[in-house]
Amino acid sequence: MNQIGKIICARRIEKNWNQEELCKGICAVSYLSKIEKGKAEPSQEIVAKLLERLGITIDEEKEQQAKQTAEQAYEYVFSAMNREFRELLGRTDIKELEGTRYAIDLKLLEQLASSEMKPLNSSAEASMDLRQKAVQKVLSGNCEEALLLYPNAWMYLMSGIDAYEKGKINDASDYLNTAYDMGAKEGTVRILLSAALYQYRCAAAVHDFAKMKEISQRARRIAVSLNERNTLFMIEYNMALASVGAGDYEEAYEFFSSLDKPNSLSLLFLAVCCEKTDRREEARSAIDEANADSSHSPLIAQCLKLVSCRLSHPDYLDREEYGNILKACRQSALSEPVNGTATLITRWLLEWYQATRQYKKAFELLTDEPWAAQ
């Protein structure tokens, strides 16, 4: 009868009735509360009256459909098979299954698939089981609480993503490492890929370039096995950025020079790699091609000017123009960051401070960004 209690609770909430309105003339409020929580075994007569008042007719065929849909959807969610999950819900008429035992599950899953991801009304929580409560906590943004209720690889993944987005990088790394290990045990390959992608972001946040490369190589193998071409390109791009950060310019050059239709940011990195590997004419060509695209951000335009100045003037560190552009770049990078440029600008700024004997500023920069000395 526990499932009947859930049906009664879900329909009552759907109708925006309180417990007193539903049970008037049928049973006591406290008794209805126990029925909804699955703590009482009510008589068939009372159940029939409650269902009749709610306008519920049990349809076993719909019950079976709702069960199969909900369980398959949970399997997709907990395996991070997001495309398959959304396709399943896209071909399911949730409203047709509202009166079933799995109505709350389907409503929770529907919210997981939506862009807003809103939790259900808190009054529904009284009749939820642990799995449902955990998903409700995720929808509420309380991933750590969800993890305590229903620990699995996906819950650790969501907790890791949540911690990363809140700037708690160490916590995020711990959660993501556990998600990866549990995903390997569960055989949920897409959990491995998702965890690795966020592990990369955590490593990037602390400028651990060696770790970034190691994670990217691991993620690349997973993406290849899944034939995830778009994700694979992103991973290879990240590997190239990690190589730039680590000073492996030849390795990064191999990627950026291989792009068929590079955007202005990729051309900037290509120019940087060419400058560092003494391909000066190719660097100038990359800058000219990037400058032909007027749609790029002011920060990219400033960085292109810096590389051009470095190429054209051996004494660029002594030139006032270079210092002015560099300081403007630093301000732009702080207000409107562009992926990968902060590493370049910070290193160039440290180089300029040291060359112009601004040792106090160099010390302050290294205090804030110790990785820049690598």
Protein backbone atom coordinates (compact mmCIF):
# COMPACT_ATOMS: atom_id res chain seq x y z
CA MET A 1 0.00 0.00 0.00
CA ASN A 2 3.03 2.28 0.22
CA GLN A 3 2.75 3.05 -3.51
CA ILE A 4 -0.96 3.85 -3.09
CA GLY A 5 0.03 6.40 -0.46
CA LYS A 6 2.38 8.02 -2.95
CA ILE A 7 -0.36 8.17 -5.59
CA ILE A 8 -2.77 9.77 -3.12
CA CYS A 9 -0.17 12.31 -1.99
CA ALA A 10 0.89 13.19 -5.54
CA ARG A 11 -2.68 13.74 -6.74
CA ARG A 12 -3.60 15.74 -3.62
CA ILE A 13 -0.63 18.05 -4.20
CA GLU A 14 -1.48 18.29 -7.88
CA LYS A 15 -4.98 19.49 -6.92
CA ASN A 16 -3.47 21.87 -4.35
CA TRP A 17 -5.52 20.34 -1.53
CA ASN A 18 -4.40 20.11 2.06
CA GLN A 19 -4.81 16.85 3.95
CA GLU A 20 -7.88 18.07 5.83
CA GLU A 21 -9.74 18.83 2.60
CA LEU A 22 -9.07 15.35 1.24
CA CYS A 23 -9.87 13.25 4.28
CA LYS A 24 -12.95 15.13 5.54
CA GLY A 25 -15.67 12.57 6.25
CA ILE A 26 -13.35 9.65 5.38
CA CYS A 27 -10.62 9.42 8.01
CA ALA A 28 -8.52 11.48 10.42
CA VAL A 29 -5.79 13.81 9.14
CA SER A 30 -3.16 11.91 11.14
CA TYR A 31 -4.30 8.66 9.55
CA LEU A 32 -4.11 10.14 6.04
CA SER A 33 -0.61 11.39 6.84
CA LYS A 34 0.44 7.85 7.78
CA ILE A 35 -1.12 6.46 4.59
CA GLU A 36 0.78 8.95 2.43
CA LYS A 37 4.06 8.14 4.22
CA GLY A 38 3.47 4.40 3.89
CA LYS A 39 3.33 3.97 7.67
CA ALA A 40 -0.22 2.62 7.78
CA GLU A 41 -1.99 -0.25 6.04
CA PRO A 42 -5.44 1.29 5.34
CA SER A 43 -8.59 -0.64 4.57
CA GLN A 44 -9.65 -1.08 0.96
CA GLU A 45 -12.82 0.89 1.79
CA ILE A 46 -10.88 3.98 2.92
CA VAL A 47 -8.50 3.76 -0.04
CA ALA A 48 -11.42 3.47 -2.45
CA LYS A 49 -13.08 6.58 -0.98
CA LEU A 50 -9.85 8.60 -1.10
CA LEU A 51 -9.18 7.57 -4.70
CA GLU A 52 -12.76 8.35 -5.68
CA ARG A 53 -12.57 11.84 -4.17
CA LEU A 54 -9.32 12.45 -6.01
CA GLY A 55 -10.78 11.15 -9.26
CA ILE A 56 -8.18 8.38 -9.57
CA THR A 57 -8.73 5.13 -11.41
CA ILE A 58 -5.88 2.61 -11.27
CA ASP A 59 -4.86 1.59 -14.78
CA GLU A 60 -2.44 -1.36 -14.59
CA GLU A 61 -1.26 -0.85 -18.17
CA LYS A 62 -0.31 2.75 -17.41
CA GLU A 63 1.26 1.64 -14.14
CA GLN A 64 3.55 -0.73 -16.03
CA GLN A 65 4.43 1.91 -18.62
CA ALA A 66 5.19 4.46 -15.90
CA LYS A 67 7.38 1.99 -14.02
CA GLN A 68 9.38 1.00 -17.10
CA THR A 69 9.83 4.63 -18.16
CA ALA A 70 10.91 5.81 -14.71
CA GLU A 71 13.36 2.97 -14.10
CA GLN A 72 14.91 3.32 -17.57
CA ALA A 73 15.17 7.08 -17.09
CA TYR A 74 16.93 6.64 -13.74
CA GLU A 75 19.34 4.20 -15.39
CA TYR A 76 20.17 6.79 -18.04
CA VAL A 77 20.54 9.60 -15.48
CA PHE A 78 22.79 7.63 -13.13
CA SER A 79 24.92 6.55 -16.11
CA ALA A 80 25.23 10.18 -17.37
CA MET A 81 23.59 9.11 -20.64
CA ASN A 82 22.02 12.53 -21.05
CA ARG A 83 21.07 12.30 -24.72
CA GLU A 84 19.30 8.98 -24.26
CA PHE A 85 17.57 10.30 -21.13
CA ARG A 86 16.15 13.34 -22.90
CA GLU A 87 15.09 11.29 -25.91
CA LEU A 88 13.19 8.90 -23.62
CA LEU A 89 11.32 11.69 -21.85
CA GLY A 90 10.75 13.44 -25.17
CA ARG A 91 8.69 10.52 -26.43
CA THR A 92 6.84 10.02 -23.12
CA ASP A 93 3.55 11.77 -22.32
CA ILE A 94 4.15 12.54 -18.64
CA LYS A 95 0.64 13.95 -18.15
CA GLU A 96 -0.89 10.63 -19.24
CA LEU A 97 0.97 8.94 -16.38
CA GLU A 98 0.22 11.47 -13.64
CA GLY A 99 -2.17 9.20 -11.76
CA THR A 100 0.30 6.32 -11.45
CA ARG A 101 2.51 5.18 -8.59
CA TYR A 102 5.52 6.64 -10.41
CA ALA A 103 4.04 10.13 -10.90
CA ILE A 104 6.48 11.76 -8.47
CA ASP A 105 9.45 9.99 -10.09
CA LEU A 106 8.38 11.16 -13.53
CA LYS A 107 7.88 14.74 -12.35
CA LEU A 108 11.34 14.75 -10.76
CA LEU A 109 12.90 13.28 -13.88
CA GLU A 110 11.06 15.80 -16.04
CA GLN A 111 12.62 18.60 -14.03
CA LEU A 112 16.08 17.04 -14.36
CA ALA A 113 15.65 17.17 -18.14
CA SER A 114 14.47 20.79 -18.15
CA SER A 115 16.73 23.83 -18.39
CA GLU A 116 15.27 25.36 -15.20
CA MET A 117 15.64 22.26 -12.98
CA LYS A 118 13.17 23.35 -10.30
CA PRO A 119 12.43 21.13 -7.28
CA LEU A 120 8.91 19.89 -6.66
CA ASN A 121 6.72 21.47 -4.01
CA SER A 122 8.26 20.73 -0.61
CA SER A 123 4.97 19.25 0.57
CA ALA A 124 5.62 16.28 -1.73
CA GLU A 125 8.77 15.31 0.19
CA ALA A 126 6.85 13.59 2.99
CA SER A 127 5.92 10.71 0.68
CA MET A 128 9.25 10.46 -1.15
CA ASP A 129 11.62 7.50 -0.86
CA LEU A 130 15.39 8.02 -0.57
CA ARG A 131 16.04 8.04 -4.31
CA GLN A 132 13.32 10.60 -4.90
CA LYS A 133 14.50 12.76 -2.00
CA ALA A 134 18.05 12.67 -3.34
CA VAL A 135 16.95 13.86 -6.78
CA GLN A 136 14.81 16.54 -5.11
CA LYS A 137 17.93 17.72 -3.24
CA VAL A 138 19.89 17.89 -6.52
CA LEU A 139 17.10 19.98 -8.05
CA SER A 140 17.25 22.23 -4.96
CA GLY A 141 21.01 22.70 -5.36
CA ASN A 142 21.84 20.67 -2.24
CA CYS A 143 24.03 18.07 -3.88
CA GLU A 144 25.99 17.20 -0.73
CA GLU A 145 22.74 16.33 1.08
CA ALA A 146 21.64 14.29 -1.94
CA LEU A 147 24.89 12.35 -1.77
CA LEU A 148 24.26 11.37 1.84
CA LEU A 149 20.81 10.05 0.94
CA TYR A 150 21.70 8.08 -2.19
CA PRO A 151 25.45 7.71 -2.79
CA ASN A 152 26.37 6.58 -6.29
CA ALA A 153 28.78 7.73 -9.00
CA TRP A 154 26.32 10.23 -10.47
CA MET A 155 25.63 11.84 -7.09
CA TYR A 156 29.38 12.23 -6.52
CA LEU A 157 29.68 13.70 -10.03
CA MET A 158 26.92 16.24 -9.36
CA SER A 159 28.48 17.13 -6.00
CA GLY A 160 31.82 17.65 -7.74
CA ILE A 161 30.31 19.89 -10.41
CA ASP A 162 28.41 21.87 -7.77
CA ALA A 163 31.56 22.35 -5.66
CA TYR A 164 33.57 23.41 -8.73
CA GLU A 165 30.97 26.00 -9.71
CA LYS A 166 31.07 27.37 -6.15
CA GLY A 167 34.86 27.70 -6.33
CA LYS A 168 35.54 24.87 -3.85
CA ILE A 169 38.24 23.31 -6.00
CA ASN A 170 39.69 20.89 -3.43
CA ASP A 171 36.25 19.55 -2.50
CA ALA A 172 35.35 19.30 -6.17
CA SER A 173 38.49 17.29 -6.91
CA ASP A 174 37.73 14.85 -4.09
CA TYR A 175 34.14 14.31 -5.24
CA LEU A 176 35.16 13.94 -8.88
CA ASN A 177 37.91 11.45 -8.05
CA THR A 178 35.37 9.34 -6.16
CA ALA A 179 32.86 9.68 -9.02
CA TYR A 180 35.52 8.44 -11.43
CA ASP A 181 36.46 5.46 -9.25
CA MET A 182 32.82 4.52 -8.62
CA GLY A 183 32.00 4.98 -12.30
CA ALA A 184 34.74 2.51 -13.17
CA LYS A 185 33.28 -0.03 -10.72
CA GLU A 186 29.73 0.55 -11.97
CA GLY A 187 30.77 0.40 -15.62
CA THR A 188 29.22 3.81 -16.36
CA VAL A 189 31.64 5.04 -19.02
CA ARG A 190 29.99 8.42 -19.52
CA ILE A 191 30.41 9.11 -15.81
CA LEU A 192 34.14 8.57 -16.37
CA LEU A 193 34.16 11.06 -19.24
CA SER A 194 32.12 13.71 -17.41
CA ALA A 195 34.23 13.35 -14.26
CA ALA A 196 37.45 13.63 -16.27
CA LEU A 197 36.28 16.80 -18.03
CA TYR A 198 35.61 18.47 -14.69
CA GLN A 199 38.83 17.09 -13.20
CA TYR A 200 40.56 18.97 -16.02
CA ARG A 201 38.77 22.17 -15.03
CA CYS A 202 39.87 21.72 -11.43
CA ALA A 203 43.48 21.24 -12.50
CA ALA A 204 43.20 24.29 -14.78
CA ALA A 205 41.87 26.38 -11.88
CA VAL A 206 45.13 25.81 -9.98
CA HIS A 207 47.29 25.89 -13.14
CA ASP A 208 48.54 22.33 -12.69
CA PHE A 209 49.59 21.91 -16.32
CA ALA A 210 51.06 18.43 -15.92
CA LYS A 211 47.80 17.25 -14.35
CA MET A 212 45.80 18.95 -17.09
CA LYS A 213 47.71 17.03 -19.74
CA GLU A 214 47.42 13.71 -17.89
CA ILE A 215 43.66 14.10 -17.44
CA SER A 216 43.19 15.21 -21.06
CA GLN A 217 45.00 12.13 -22.34
CA ARG A 218 42.78 9.90 -20.21
CA ALA A 219 39.62 11.73 -21.28
CA ARG A 220 40.69 11.50 -24.91
CA ARG A 221 40.88 7.70 -24.77
CA ILE A 222 37.38 7.54 -23.27
CA ALA A 223 35.94 9.95 -25.86
CA VAL A 224 37.47 7.92 -28.69
CA SER A 225 35.91 4.72 -27.34
CA LEU A 226 32.51 6.46 -27.22
CA ASN A 227 32.96 8.07 -30.65
CA GLU A 228 32.23 11.47 -29.08
CA ARG A 229 33.70 13.63 -31.84
CA ASN A 230 32.68 17.05 -30.53
CA THR A 231 33.92 16.20 -27.05
CA LEU A 232 37.10 14.76 -28.54
CA PHE A 233 37.88 18.05 -30.28
CA MET A 234 37.33 19.97 -27.04
CA ILE A 235 39.65 17.58 -25.20
CA GLU A 236 42.38 17.91 -27.82
CA TYR A 237 41.99 21.69 -27.67
CA ASN A 238 42.40 21.54 -23.88
CA MET A 239 45.46 19.33 -24.28
CA ALA A 240 47.00 21.97 -26.54
CA LEU A 241 46.22 24.73 -24.02
CA ALA A 242 47.82 22.64 -21.28
CA SER A 243 50.90 22.24 -23.48
CA VAL A 244 51.11 26.02 -23.92
CA GLY A 245 50.85 26.44 -20.15
CA ALA A 246 53.56 23.84 -19.58
CA GLY A 247 55.84 25.46 -22.16
CA ASP A 248 55.58 22.53 -24.60
CA TYR A 249 55.10 24.86 -27.57
CA GLU A 250 56.13 22.35 -30.23
CA GLU A 251 53.47 19.94 -29.03
CA ALA A 252 50.83 22.69 -28.97
CA TYR A 253 51.93 23.86 -32.42
CA GLU A 254 51.10 20.46 -33.89
CA PHE A 255 47.46 20.90 -32.85
CA PHE A 256 46.87 24.57 -33.66
CA SER A 257 48.61 24.34 -37.04
CA SER A 258 46.43 21.36 -38.01
CA LEU A 259 43.09 23.18 -37.69
CA ASP A 260 41.22 23.61 -40.98
CA LYS A 261 39.22 26.69 -39.99
CA PRO A 262 40.86 28.19 -36.90
CA ASN A 263 39.09 31.03 -35.11
CA SER A 264 40.92 34.13 -33.92
CA LEU A 265 41.69 32.63 -30.50
CA SER A 266 43.24 29.52 -32.06
CA LEU A 267 45.24 31.76 -34.41
CA LEU A 268 46.50 33.70 -31.39
CA PHE A 269 47.77 30.50 -29.78
CA LEU A 270 49.26 29.41 -33.10
CA ALA A 271 51.13 32.73 -33.32
CA VAL A 272 52.43 32.29 -29.76
CA CYS A 273 53.64 28.76 -30.52
CA CYS A 274 55.29 29.95 -33.73
CA GLU A 275 57.09 32.76 -31.93
CA LYS A 276 58.38 30.35 -29.29
CA THR A 277 59.52 27.78 -31.88
CA ASP A 278 61.16 30.37 -34.19
CA ARG A 279 58.53 30.18 -36.95
CA ARG A 280 58.31 33.95 -37.17
CA GLU A 281 56.83 34.34 -40.65
CA GLU A 282 54.15 31.78 -39.87
CA ALA A 283 53.42 33.70 -36.67
CA ARG A 284 52.92 36.93 -38.64
CA SER A 285 50.62 35.15 -41.09
CA ALA A 286 48.53 33.81 -38.21
CA ILE A 287 48.25 37.32 -36.73
CA ASP A 288 47.21 38.80 -40.10
CA GLU A 289 44.57 36.10 -40.53
CA ALA A 290 43.24 36.69 -37.02
CA ASN A 291 43.12 40.47 -37.52
CA ALA A 292 41.03 39.96 -40.65
CA ASP A 293 38.25 38.80 -38.33
CA SER A 294 36.86 41.96 -36.73
CA SER A 295 34.41 40.04 -34.55
CA HIS A 296 36.91 38.85 -31.96
CA SER A 297 36.98 40.28 -28.44
CA PRO A 298 39.06 43.33 -27.43
CA LEU A 299 41.23 41.06 -25.26
CA ILE A 300 42.19 38.86 -28.21
CA ALA A 301 42.93 41.99 -30.27
CA GLN A 302 45.23 43.27 -27.50
CA CYS A 303 47.00 39.91 -27.22
CA LEU A 304 47.56 39.87 -30.98
CA LYS A 305 49.17 43.31 -30.70
CA LEU A 306 51.48 42.01 -27.98
CA VAL A 307 52.64 39.05 -30.06
CA SER A 308 53.11 41.33 -33.07
CA CYS A 309 55.22 43.68 -30.97
CA ARG A 310 57.30 40.77 -29.67
CA LEU A 311 57.92 39.64 -33.25
CA SER A 312 58.73 43.07 -34.66
CA HIS A 313 60.90 44.48 -31.89
CA PRO A 314 63.72 42.51 -30.24
CA ASP A 315 63.70 45.18 -27.51
CA TYR A 316 59.94 44.85 -26.90
CA LEU A 317 60.45 44.68 -23.13
CA ASP A 318 61.95 48.19 -23.17
CA ARG A 319 59.17 49.70 -25.26
CA GLU A 320 56.55 51.79 -23.45
CA GLU A 321 53.87 50.73 -25.95
CA TYR A 322 54.35 47.06 -25.04
CA GLY A 323 53.98 47.73 -21.33
CA ASN A 324 50.83 49.80 -21.86
CA ILE A 325 49.17 47.11 -23.98
CA LEU A 326 50.22 44.45 -21.48
CA LYS A 327 48.64 46.31 -18.54
CA ALA A 328 45.45 46.84 -20.57
CA CYS A 329 45.42 43.10 -21.34
CA ARG A 330 45.69 42.29 -17.66
CA GLN A 331 42.66 44.45 -16.85
CA SER A 332 40.64 42.99 -19.72
CA ALA A 333 41.53 39.45 -18.67
CA LEU A 334 40.29 40.12 -15.14
CA SER A 335 36.96 41.61 -16.26
CA GLU A 336 36.25 39.49 -19.36
CA PRO A 337 38.43 36.36 -19.28
CA VAL A 338 38.99 34.35 -22.46
CA ASN A 339 39.92 30.67 -22.18
CA GLY A 340 43.68 30.17 -21.99
CA THR A 341 44.75 33.81 -22.28
CA ALA A 342 45.28 34.38 -18.55
CA THR A 343 48.28 32.03 -18.59
CA LEU A 344 49.93 33.94 -21.44
CA ILE A 345 49.25 37.38 -19.99
CA THR A 346 50.44 36.50 -16.48
CA ARG A 347 53.71 35.03 -17.77
CA TRP A 348 54.30 38.01 -20.09
CA LEU A 349 53.57 40.40 -17.23
CA LEU A 350 56.05 38.65 -14.92
CA GLU A 351 58.68 38.75 -17.69
CA TRP A 352 58.09 42.49 -18.15
CA TYR A 353 58.18 43.28 -14.41
CA GLN A 354 61.49 41.46 -14.03
CA ALA A 355 63.01 43.06 -17.16
CA THR A 356 62.01 46.56 -16.05
CA ARG A 357 63.17 45.96 -12.45
CA GLN A 358 59.68 46.23 -10.98
CA TYR A 359 60.60 43.60 -8.44
CA LYS A 360 57.94 44.49 -5.88
CA LYS A 361 55.19 44.03 -8.48
CA ALA A 362 56.82 40.81 -9.65
CA PHE A 363 56.83 39.53 -6.07
CA GLU A 364 53.17 40.49 -5.58
CA LEU A 365 52.23 38.76 -8.83
CA LEU A 366 54.05 35.59 -7.81
CA THR A 367 52.37 35.71 -4.40
CA ASP A 368 48.99 35.71 -6.13
CA GLU A 369 49.98 33.42 -9.00
CA PRO A 370 52.89 31.20 -7.85
CA TRP A 371 52.47 28.89 -10.86
CA ALA A 372 53.78 31.70 -13.12
CA ALA A 373 57.33 30.92 -11.97
CA GLN A 374 57.15 27.42 -13.49
